Amino acid sequence: MAAKCLSPLASFGLALALQEAWVNSALYNVDAGHRAVIFDRFRGVQDIVVGEGTHFLIPWVQKPIIFDCRSRPRNVPVITGSKGKACLWVRSSREGGRGAVGSRRS
C-alpha cells in the first residue's frame, strides 16, 4: 500500500524537478555595466541589445553573449620639452580627472 502512494508522489516530484530545471535554464542575468545580445541558432545574432537585469530566453535555441561596456580610465604619458635642458612629463587621464605634472633634468 505504501508503494502505491509513493509512486504518484515520486512521479510528481520528478516532474516538478524537471520543470524547475527547464525554467532555471531559461533565465539569465546581465550585470550592471554589461550589455547582452542574443544568438539564435536559427536566425543568428539578433539586433536587439539587452540591458541590465534578469531576462528570459528559449533554452537550447538561444544563447546570451554578454559584453562588458564599462569605461575604464587610461593613463596616457606625454613627454614634452621646455626651455633649457628640462623635460616635462604630463600624465593625462581619459576620465577628465586631474593629471600629474613633473620635471626631470637631462
Protein backbone atom coordinates (compact mmCIF):
# COMPACT_ATOMS: atom_id res chain seq x y z
CA MET A 1 0.00 0.00 0.00
CA ALA A 2 2.83 2.42 0.79
CA ALA A 3 4.42 1.67 -2.60
CA LYS A 4 1.23 2.65 -4.43
CA CYS A 5 1.07 6.03 -2.62
CA LEU A 6 4.78 6.72 -3.11
CA SER A 7 4.75 6.12 -6.84
CA PRO A 8 2.41 9.05 -7.77
CA LEU A 9 4.22 11.28 -5.30
CA ALA A 10 7.62 10.33 -6.77
CA SER A 11 6.44 10.95 -10.34
CA PHE A 12 5.02 14.34 -9.32
CA GLY A 13 8.32 15.23 -7.63
CA LEU A 14 10.30 14.20 -10.69
CA ALA A 15 8.04 16.24 -12.98
CA LEU A 16 8.38 19.24 -10.67
CA ALA A 17 12.19 18.91 -10.61
CA LEU A 18 12.36 18.73 -14.43
CA GLN A 19 10.13 21.77 -14.76
CA GLU A 20 12.32 23.66 -12.27
CA ALA A 21 15.45 22.77 -14.26
CA TRP A 22 13.86 23.96 -17.51
CA VAL A 23 12.76 27.30 -16.00
CA ASN A 24 16.20 27.78 -14.46
CA SER A 25 17.88 27.24 -17.83
CA ALA A 26 15.55 29.83 -19.41
CA LEU A 27 16.76 32.67 -17.15
CA TYR A 28 19.96 34.69 -17.42
CA ASN A 29 21.33 37.78 -15.65
CA VAL A 30 23.02 40.81 -17.17
CA ASP A 31 25.10 42.57 -14.51
CA ALA A 32 25.49 46.32 -14.08
CA GLY A 33 27.78 47.84 -16.68
CA HIS A 34 27.22 44.96 -19.09
CA ARG A 35 25.04 44.51 -22.17
CA ALA A 36 23.96 41.35 -23.97
CA VAL A 37 22.92 40.27 -27.44
CA ILE A 38 21.07 37.06 -28.16
CA PHE A 39 22.44 34.43 -30.54
CA ASP A 40 19.64 32.34 -32.05
CA ARG A 41 20.60 29.00 -33.64
CA PHE A 42 18.10 29.56 -36.48
CA ARG A 43 18.29 33.33 -37.11
CA GLY A 44 21.82 34.24 -35.96
CA VAL A 45 22.67 37.25 -33.80
CA GLN A 46 19.64 39.40 -33.01
CA ASP A 47 19.70 43.19 -33.46
CA ILE A 48 18.28 43.89 -30.00
CA VAL A 49 20.72 44.87 -27.24
CA VAL A 50 19.59 43.70 -23.80
CA GLY A 51 20.30 45.87 -20.75
CA GLU A 52 20.82 45.05 -17.08
CA GLY A 53 18.53 42.67 -15.21
CA THR A 54 17.11 39.16 -15.37
CA HIS A 55 15.79 38.05 -18.75
CA PHE A 56 14.20 35.01 -20.42
CA LEU A 57 15.40 33.03 -23.43
CA ILE A 58 14.45 29.82 -25.19
CA PRO A 59 16.74 27.07 -23.83
CA TRP A 60 18.92 25.20 -26.36
CA VAL A 61 17.84 27.62 -29.12
CA GLN A 62 19.06 30.99 -27.84
CA LYS A 63 22.29 31.88 -26.07
CA PRO A 64 23.17 35.24 -24.46
CA ILE A 65 26.50 36.84 -25.38
CA ILE A 66 27.40 39.29 -22.60
CA PHE A 67 29.76 42.23 -23.15
CA ASP A 68 31.46 44.48 -20.60
CA CYS A 69 30.85 48.10 -21.65
CA ARG A 70 32.09 49.97 -18.58
CA SER A 71 34.54 52.79 -19.21
CA ARG A 72 37.98 52.35 -17.70
CA PRO A 73 40.44 55.16 -17.04
CA ARG A 74 43.56 55.05 -19.19
CA ASN A 75 46.72 56.96 -18.45
CA VAL A 76 48.44 58.49 -21.47
CA PRO A 77 52.00 59.60 -20.66
CA VAL A 78 53.28 62.57 -22.68
CA ILE A 79 56.87 63.81 -22.54
CA THR A 80 57.48 67.33 -23.77
CA GLY A 81 60.49 69.59 -23.84
CA SER A 82 60.84 73.04 -22.33
CA LYS A 83 63.33 75.90 -22.47
CA GLY A 84 66.64 74.83 -21.11
CA LYS A 85 67.51 71.18 -20.61
CA ALA A 86 64.47 70.13 -18.58
CA CYS A 87 61.94 67.59 -19.82
CA LEU A 88 58.38 67.83 -18.57
CA TRP A 89 56.18 64.80 -18.40
CA VAL A 90 52.42 65.02 -18.23
CA ARG A 91 50.16 62.10 -17.39
CA SER A 92 46.60 62.60 -18.58
CA SER A 93 43.51 60.53 -17.91
CA ARG A 94 40.60 59.91 -20.28
CA GLU A 95 38.12 60.29 -17.45
CA GLY A 96 38.77 64.02 -17.19
CA GLY A 97 40.40 63.78 -13.80
CA ARG A 98 43.47 65.73 -12.76
CA GLY A 99 46.68 64.67 -14.43
CA ALA A 100 50.13 64.73 -12.90
CA VAL A 101 52.93 67.06 -13.99
CA GLY A 102 56.58 66.58 -13.14
CA SER A 103 60.03 67.56 -14.42
CA ARG A 104 63.32 65.82 -15.00
CA ARG A 105 66.69 67.39 -15.78
CA SER A 106 68.65 65.85 -18.67
